[in-house]
Amino acid sequence: MIVFALWHSYELEDDDGIHDEDKFIGIFSSREKAEETVDALKDKEGFRDHPLDSFTIDEITVDSPDWTDGFVTVRWRE
């Protein structure tokens, strides 16, 4: 089974410097549904100030590892 993960990511500059701002939007059963969601969000606050290429749709095969070595560091801010 293949699903589609939708992200909105861009660089944000604030008093602490430049960092990545990532929003996980959701998992969709088709690329078309993910694209419809991009279309619905692109003009809303939190999305409209960043170009459409800030949206990423990743194709994911269920029950198949995507990352088999290395690591990912995530910095959470409050």
PDB file of N, CA and C in Angstrom:
ATOM      1  N   MET A   1       0.848  -1.170   0.000  1.00  0.00           N
ATOM      2  CA  MET A   1       0.000   0.000   0.000  1.00  0.00           C
ATOM      3  C   MET A   1       0.897   1.238   0.000  1.00  0.00           C
ATOM      4  N   ILE A   2       0.517   2.207  -0.784  1.00  0.00           N
ATOM      5  CA  ILE A   2       1.243   3.460  -0.857  1.00  0.00           C
ATOM      6  C   ILE A   2       0.353   4.575  -0.314  1.00  0.00           C
ATOM      7  N   VAL A   3       0.935   5.434   0.532  1.00  0.00           N
ATOM      8  CA  VAL A   3       0.248   6.615   1.058  1.00  0.00           C
ATOM      9  C   VAL A   3       1.116   7.836   0.760  1.00  0.00           C
ATOM     10  N   PHE A   4       0.561   9.007   1.001  1.00  0.00           N
ATOM     11  CA  PHE A   4       1.242  10.251   0.646  1.00  0.00           C
ATOM     12  C   PHE A   4       1.262  11.183   1.858  1.00  0.00           C
ATOM     13  N   ALA A   5       2.468  11.522   2.313  1.00  0.00           N
ATOM     14  CA  ALA A   5       2.643  12.412   3.461  1.00  0.00           C
ATOM     15  C   ALA A   5       2.826  13.839   2.951  1.00  0.00           C
ATOM     16  N   LEU A   6       2.097  14.769   3.549  1.00  0.00           N
ATOM     17  CA  LEU A   6       2.155  16.171   3.149  1.00  0.00           C
ATOM     18  C   LEU A   6       2.806  17.000   4.250  1.00  0.00           C
ATOM     19  N   TRP A   7       3.832  17.774   3.845  1.00  0.00           N
ATOM     20  CA  TRP A   7       4.573  18.652   4.745  1.00  0.00           C
ATOM     21  C   TRP A   7       4.572  20.073   4.189  1.00  0.00           C
ATOM     22  N   HIS A   8       4.708  21.032   5.080  1.00  0.00           N
ATOM     23  CA  HIS A   8       4.952  22.425   4.699  1.00  0.00           C
ATOM     24  C   HIS A   8       6.216  22.847   5.449  1.00  0.00           C
ATOM     25  N   SER A   9       7.290  23.167   4.729  1.00  0.00           N
ATOM     26  CA  SER A   9       8.583  23.451   5.342  1.00  0.00           C
ATOM     27  C   SER A   9       9.228  24.676   4.704  1.00  0.00           C
ATOM     28  N   TYR A  10       9.866  25.464   5.536  1.00  0.00           N
ATOM     29  CA  TYR A  10      10.584  26.643   5.056  1.00  0.00           C
ATOM     30  C   TYR A  10      11.552  27.090   6.141  1.00  0.00           C
ATOM     31  N   GLU A  11      12.472  27.977   5.787  1.00  0.00           N
ATOM     32  CA  GLU A  11      13.391  28.544   6.759  1.00  0.00           C
ATOM     33  C   GLU A  11      12.754  29.766   7.401  1.00  0.00           C
ATOM     34  N   LEU A  12      12.934  29.881   8.712  1.00  0.00           N
ATOM     35  CA  LEU A  12      12.382  30.987   9.474  1.00  0.00           C
ATOM     36  C   LEU A  12      13.519  31.680  10.215  1.00  0.00           C
ATOM     37  N   GLU A  13      13.570  32.995  10.099  1.00  0.00           N
ATOM     38  CA  GLU A  13      14.586  33.758  10.818  1.00  0.00           C
ATOM     39  C   GLU A  13      13.924  34.495  11.969  1.00  0.00           C
ATOM     40  N   ASP A  14      14.497  34.326  13.167  1.00  0.00           N
ATOM     41  CA  ASP A  14      13.994  35.039  14.338  1.00  0.00           C
ATOM     42  C   ASP A  14      15.187  35.484  15.182  1.00  0.00           C
ATOM     43  N   ASP A  15      14.952  35.868  16.416  1.00  0.00           N
ATOM     44  CA  ASP A  15      16.022  36.359  17.284  1.00  0.00           C
ATOM     45  C   ASP A  15      17.092  35.307  17.561  1.00  0.00           C
ATOM     46  N   ASP A  16      16.737  34.034  17.444  1.00  0.00           N
ATOM     47  CA  ASP A  16      17.674  32.942  17.691  1.00  0.00           C
ATOM     48  C   ASP A  16      18.453  32.549  16.439  1.00  0.00           C
ATOM     49  N   GLY A  17      18.193  33.188  15.311  1.00  0.00           N
ATOM     50  CA  GLY A  17      18.883  32.858  14.067  1.00  0.00           C
ATOM     51  C   GLY A  17      17.923  32.267  13.049  1.00  0.00           C
ATOM     52  N   ILE A  18      18.468  31.446  12.173  1.00  0.00           N
ATOM     53  CA  ILE A  18      17.670  30.809  11.123  1.00  0.00           C
ATOM     54  C   ILE A  18      17.492  29.343  11.470  1.00  0.00           C
ATOM     55  N   HIS A  19      16.254  28.875  11.371  1.00  0.00           N
ATOM     56  CA  HIS A  19      15.974  27.453  11.594  1.00  0.00           C
ATOM     57  C   HIS A  19      14.845  27.010  10.666  1.00  0.00           C
ATOM     58  N   ASP A  20      14.712  25.703  10.549  1.00  0.00           N
ATOM     59  CA  ASP A  20      13.656  25.145   9.710  1.00  0.00           C
ATOM     60  C   ASP A  20      12.339  25.149  10.463  1.00  0.00           C
ATOM     61  N   GLU A  21      11.309  25.524   9.774  1.00  0.00           N
ATOM     62  CA  GLU A  21       9.947  25.480  10.302  1.00  0.00           C
ATOM     63  C   GLU A  21       9.221  24.402   9.508  1.00  0.00           C
ATOM     64  N   ASP A  22       8.829  23.328  10.171  1.00  0.00           N
ATOM     65  CA  ASP A  22       8.192  22.195   9.504  1.00  0.00           C
ATOM     66  C   ASP A  22       6.817  21.952  10.095  1.00  0.00           C
ATOM     67  N   LYS A  23       5.824  21.842   9.214  1.00  0.00           N
ATOM     68  CA  LYS A  23       4.468  21.483   9.635  1.00  0.00           C
ATOM     69  C   LYS A  23       4.104  20.178   8.946  1.00  0.00           C
ATOM     70  N   PHE A  24       3.806  19.159   9.727  1.00  0.00           N
ATOM     71  CA  PHE A  24       3.298  17.916   9.160  1.00  0.00           C
ATOM     72  C   PHE A  24       1.798  18.080   9.016  1.00  0.00           C
ATOM     73  N   ILE A  25       1.302  18.005   7.784  1.00  0.00           N
ATOM     74  CA  ILE A  25      -0.119  18.240   7.517  1.00  0.00           C
ATOM     75  C   ILE A  25      -0.926  16.959   7.685  1.00  0.00           C
ATOM     76  N   GLY A  26      -0.440  15.852   7.106  1.00  0.00           N
ATOM     77  CA  GLY A  26      -1.179  14.605   7.245  1.00  0.00           C
ATOM     78  C   GLY A  26      -0.754  13.553   6.238  1.00  0.00           C
ATOM     79  N   ILE A  27      -1.395  12.408   6.342  1.00  0.00           N
ATOM     80  CA  ILE A  27      -1.187  11.260   5.448  1.00  0.00           C
ATOM     81  C   ILE A  27      -2.450  11.111   4.605  1.00  0.00           C
ATOM     82  N   PHE A  28      -2.267  10.920   3.305  1.00  0.00           N
ATOM     83  CA  PHE A  28      -3.400  10.837   2.387  1.00  0.00           C
ATOM     84  C   PHE A  28      -3.336   9.554   1.569  1.00  0.00           C
ATOM     85  N   SER A  29      -4.488   9.076   1.172  1.00  0.00           N
ATOM     86  CA  SER A  29      -4.571   7.823   0.421  1.00  0.00           C
ATOM     87  C   SER A  29      -4.225   7.986  -1.049  1.00  0.00           C
ATOM     88  N   SER A  30      -4.170   9.238  -1.529  1.00  0.00           N
ATOM     89  CA  SER A  30      -3.795   9.473  -2.928  1.00  0.00           C
ATOM     90  C   SER A  30      -3.054  10.800  -3.043  1.00  0.00           C
ATOM     91  N   ARG A  31      -2.245  10.911  -4.074  1.00  0.00           N
ATOM     92  CA  ARG A  31      -1.541  12.170  -4.345  1.00  0.00           C
ATOM     93  C   ARG A  31      -2.560  13.278  -4.619  1.00  0.00           C
ATOM     94  N   GLU A  32      -3.649  12.929  -5.295  1.00  0.00           N
ATOM     95  CA  GLU A  32      -4.673  13.916  -5.629  1.00  0.00           C
ATOM     96  C   GLU A  32      -5.275  14.539  -4.371  1.00  0.00           C
ATOM     97  N   LYS A  33      -5.536  13.721  -3.345  1.00  0.00           N
ATOM     98  CA  LYS A  33      -6.107  14.257  -2.097  1.00  0.00           C
ATOM     99  C   LYS A  33      -5.107  15.162  -1.391  1.00  0.00           C
ATOM    100  N   ALA A  34      -3.831  14.792  -1.432  1.00  0.00           N
ATOM    101  CA  ALA A  34      -2.802  15.653  -0.847  1.00  0.00           C
ATOM    102  C   ALA A  34      -2.732  16.975  -1.605  1.00  0.00           C
ATOM    103  N   GLU A  35      -2.792  16.923  -2.932  1.00  0.00           N
ATOM    104  CA  GLU A  35      -2.754  18.142  -3.745  1.00  0.00           C
ATOM    105  C   GLU A  35      -3.985  19.020  -3.502  1.00  0.00           C
ATOM    106  N   GLU A  36      -5.140  18.406  -3.298  1.00  0.00           N
ATOM    107  CA  GLU A  36      -6.348  19.168  -2.978  1.00  0.00           C
ATOM    108  C   GLU A  36      -6.176  19.899  -1.648  1.00  0.00           C
ATOM    109  N   THR A  37      -5.490  19.259  -0.700  1.00  0.00           N
ATOM    110  CA  THR A  37      -5.255  19.876   0.596  1.00  0.00           C
ATOM    111  C   THR A  37      -4.300  21.059   0.457  1.00  0.00           C
ATOM    112  N   VAL A  38      -3.262  20.917  -0.374  1.00  0.00           N
ATOM    113  CA  VAL A  38      -2.359  22.040  -0.651  1.00  0.00           C
ATOM    114  C   VAL A  38      -3.168  23.208  -1.207  1.00  0.00           C
ATOM    115  N   ASP A  39      -4.032  22.917  -2.152  1.00  0.00           N
ATOM    116  CA  ASP A  39      -4.851  23.966  -2.765  1.00  0.00           C
ATOM    117  C   ASP A  39      -5.742  24.650  -1.728  1.00  0.00           C
ATOM    118  N   ALA A  40      -6.263  23.866  -0.773  1.00  0.00           N
ATOM    119  CA  ALA A  40      -7.134  24.426   0.257  1.00  0.00           C
ATOM    120  C   ALA A  40      -6.356  25.252   1.286  1.00  0.00           C
ATOM    121  N   LEU A  41      -5.079  24.933   1.508  1.00  0.00           N
ATOM    122  CA  LEU A  41      -4.294  25.608   2.542  1.00  0.00           C
ATOM    123  C   LEU A  41      -3.457  26.776   2.040  1.00  0.00           C
ATOM    124  N   LYS A  42      -3.106  26.788   0.768  1.00  0.00           N
ATOM    125  CA  LYS A  42      -2.093  27.717   0.254  1.00  0.00           C
ATOM    126  C   LYS A  42      -2.399  29.191   0.500  1.00  0.00           C
ATOM    127  N   ASP A  43      -3.655  29.563   0.663  1.00  0.00           N
ATOM    128  CA  ASP A  43      -4.016  30.964   0.887  1.00  0.00           C
ATOM    129  C   ASP A  43      -4.354  31.277   2.340  1.00  0.00           C
ATOM    130  N   LYS A  44      -4.195  30.288   3.215  1.00  0.00           N
ATOM    131  CA  LYS A  44      -4.524  30.482   4.628  1.00  0.00           C
ATOM    132  C   LYS A  44      -3.319  30.997   5.407  1.00  0.00           C
ATOM    133  N   GLU A  45      -3.625  31.654   6.538  1.00  0.00           N
ATOM    134  CA  GLU A  45      -2.569  32.157   7.410  1.00  0.00           C
ATOM    135  C   GLU A  45      -1.663  31.002   7.829  1.00  0.00           C
ATOM    136  N   GLY A  46      -0.381  31.268   7.861  1.00  0.00           N
ATOM    137  CA  GLY A  46       0.595  30.244   8.206  1.00  0.00           C
ATOM    138  C   GLY A  46       1.148  29.525   6.990  1.00  0.00           C
ATOM    139  N   PHE A  47       0.492  29.692   5.843  1.00  0.00           N
ATOM    140  CA  PHE A  47       0.927  29.056   4.600  1.00  0.00           C
ATOM    141  C   PHE A  47       1.131  30.064   3.475  1.00  0.00           C
ATOM    142  N   ARG A  48       0.294  31.085   3.411  1.00  0.00           N
ATOM    143  CA  ARG A  48       0.288  31.993   2.259  1.00  0.00           C
ATOM    144  C   ARG A  48       1.548  32.834   2.118  1.00  0.00           C
ATOM    145  N   ASP A  49       2.301  33.016   3.207  1.00  0.00           N
ATOM    146  CA  ASP A  49       3.497  33.841   3.140  1.00  0.00           C
ATOM    147  C   ASP A  49       4.710  33.094   2.594  1.00  0.00           C
ATOM    148  N   HIS A  50       4.509  31.836   2.235  1.00  0.00           N
ATOM    149  CA  HIS A  50       5.617  31.014   1.739  1.00  0.00           C
ATOM    150  C   HIS A  50       5.205  30.403   0.402  1.00  0.00           C
ATOM    151  N   PRO A  51       6.127  30.302  -0.525  1.00  0.00           N
ATOM    152  CA  PRO A  51       5.789  29.830  -1.873  1.00  0.00           C
ATOM    153  C   PRO A  51       5.270  28.399  -1.885  1.00  0.00           C
ATOM    154  N   LEU A  52       4.577  28.087  -2.961  1.00  0.00           N
ATOM    155  CA  LEU A  52       4.005  26.741  -3.085  1.00  0.00           C
ATOM    156  C   LEU A  52       5.058  25.646  -3.033  1.00  0.00           C
ATOM    157  N   ASP A  53       6.310  25.950  -3.403  1.00  0.00           N
ATOM    158  CA  ASP A  53       7.327  24.905  -3.344  1.00  0.00           C
ATOM    159  C   ASP A  53       7.734  24.578  -1.904  1.00  0.00           C
ATOM    160  N   SER A  54       7.117  25.248  -0.918  1.00  0.00           N
ATOM    161  CA  SER A  54       7.325  24.898   0.482  1.00  0.00           C
ATOM    162  C   SER A  54       6.517  23.670   0.872  1.00  0.00           C
ATOM    163  N   PHE A  55       5.558  23.283   0.051  1.00  0.00           N
ATOM    164  CA  PHE A  55       4.785  22.064   0.287  1.00  0.00           C
ATOM    165  C   PHE A  55       5.515  20.885  -0.347  1.00  0.00           C
ATOM    166  N   THR A  56       5.592  19.786   0.392  1.00  0.00           N
ATOM    167  CA  THR A  56       6.219  18.566  -0.110  1.00  0.00           C
ATOM    168  C   THR A  56       5.261  17.405   0.079  1.00  0.00           C
ATOM    169  N   ILE A  57       5.114  16.611  -0.961  1.00  0.00           N
ATOM    170  CA  ILE A  57       4.315  15.388  -0.879  1.00  0.00           C
ATOM    171  C   ILE A  57       5.276  14.222  -1.057  1.00  0.00           C
ATOM    172  N   ASP A  58       5.407  13.396  -0.019  1.00  0.00           N
ATOM    173  CA  ASP A  58       6.282  12.229  -0.051  1.00  0.00           C
ATOM    174  C   ASP A  58       5.464  10.965  -0.243  1.00  0.00           C
ATOM    175  N   GLU A  59       5.865  10.148  -1.199  1.00  0.00           N
ATOM    176  CA  GLU A  59       5.227   8.847  -1.418  1.00  0.00           C
ATOM    177  C   GLU A  59       5.870   7.845  -0.466  1.00  0.00           C
ATOM    178  N   ILE A  60       5.042   7.163   0.322  1.00  0.00           N
ATOM    179  CA  ILE A  60       5.543   6.230   1.333  1.00  0.00           C
ATOM    180  C   ILE A  60       4.894   4.864   1.131  1.00  0.00           C
ATOM    181  N   THR A  61       5.723   3.833   1.132  1.00  0.00           N
ATOM    182  CA  THR A  61       5.215   2.465   1.074  1.00  0.00           C
ATOM    183  C   THR A  61       5.027   1.977   2.509  1.00  0.00           C
ATOM    184  N   VAL A  62       3.811   1.601   2.856  1.00  0.00           N
ATOM    185  CA  VAL A  62       3.487   1.138   4.199  1.00  0.00           C
ATOM    186  C   VAL A  62       4.226  -0.179   4.472  1.00  0.00           C
ATOM    187  N   ASP A  63       4.665  -0.363   5.706  1.00  0.00           N
ATOM    188  CA  ASP A  63       5.370  -1.564   6.164  1.00  0.00           C
ATOM    189  C   ASP A  63       6.722  -1.758   5.489  1.00  0.00           C
ATOM    190  N   SER A  64       7.300  -0.667   5.014  1.00  0.00           N
ATOM    191  CA  SER A  64       8.624  -0.716   4.404  1.00  0.00           C
ATOM    192  C   SER A  64       9.464   0.396   5.024  1.00  0.00           C
ATOM    193  N   PRO A  65      10.632   0.047   5.599  1.00  0.00           N
ATOM    194  CA  PRO A  65      11.428   1.105   6.243  1.00  0.00           C
ATOM    195  C   PRO A  65      11.908   2.137   5.239  1.00  0.00           C
ATOM    196  N   ASP A  66      11.763   3.393   5.611  1.00  0.00           N
ATOM    197  CA  ASP A  66      12.202   4.500   4.775  1.00  0.00           C
ATOM    198  C   ASP A  66      13.632   4.890   5.105  1.00  0.00           C
ATOM    199  N   TRP A  67      14.010   4.694   6.346  1.00  0.00           N
ATOM    200  CA  TRP A  67      15.317   5.103   6.832  1.00  0.00           C
ATOM    201  C   TRP A  67      15.937   3.907   7.530  1.00  0.00           C
ATOM    202  N   THR A  68      17.036   3.394   7.010  1.00  0.00           N
ATOM    203  CA  THR A  68      17.614   2.173   7.577  1.00  0.00           C
ATOM    204  C   THR A  68      18.929   2.399   8.313  1.00  0.00           C
ATOM    205  N   ASP A  69      19.507   3.594   8.217  1.00  0.00           N
ATOM    206  CA  ASP A  69      20.710   3.893   8.994  1.00  0.00           C
ATOM    207  C   ASP A  69      20.827   5.395   9.181  1.00  0.00           C
ATOM    208  N   GLY A  70      21.744   5.801  10.030  1.00  0.00           N
ATOM    209  CA  GLY A  70      21.901   7.220  10.321  1.00  0.00           C
ATOM    210  C   GLY A  70      20.905   7.680  11.359  1.00  0.00           C
ATOM    211  N   PHE A  71      20.703   8.975  11.437  1.00  0.00           N
ATOM    212  CA  PHE A  71      19.812   9.529  12.448  1.00  0.00           C
ATOM    213  C   PHE A  71      19.232  10.847  11.972  1.00  0.00           C
ATOM    214  N   VAL A  72      18.229  11.303  12.683  1.00  0.00           N
ATOM    215  CA  VAL A  72      17.602  12.589  12.425  1.00  0.00           C
ATOM    216  C   VAL A  72      17.543  13.344  13.747  1.00  0.00           C
ATOM    217  N   THR A  73      17.911  14.589  13.727  1.00  0.00           N
ATOM    218  CA  THR A  73      17.809  15.429  14.914  1.00  0.00           C
ATOM    219  C   THR A  73      16.656  16.393  14.720  1.00  0.00           C
ATOM    220  N   VAL A  74      15.770  16.433  15.695  1.00  0.00           N
ATOM    221  CA  VAL A  74      14.634  17.343  15.643  1.00  0.00           C
ATOM    222  C   VAL A  74      14.750  18.283  16.836  1.00  0.00           C
ATOM    223  N   ARG A  75      14.707  19.588  16.583  1.00  0.00           N
ATOM    224  CA  ARG A  75      14.778  20.576  17.647  1.00  0.00           C
ATOM    225  C   ARG A  75      13.391  21.132  17.884  1.00  0.00           C
ATOM    226  N   TRP A  76      12.863  20.901  19.055  1.00  0.00           N
ATOM    227  CA  TRP A  76      11.528  21.394  19.409  1.00  0.00           C
ATOM    228  C   TRP A  76      11.656  22.700  20.137  1.00  0.00           C
ATOM    229  N   ARG A  77      10.829  23.636  19.769  1.00  0.00           N
ATOM    230  CA  ARG A  77      10.836  24.944  20.428  1.00  0.00           C
ATOM    231  C   ARG A  77       9.455  25.222  20.985  1.00  0.00           C
ATOM    232  N   GLU A  78       9.434  25.873  22.095  1.00  0.00           N
ATOM    233  CA  GLU A  78       8.148  26.277  22.696  1.00  0.00           C
ATOM    234  C   GLU A  78       8.063  27.762  22.752  1.00  0.00           C
TER     235      GLU A  78
END
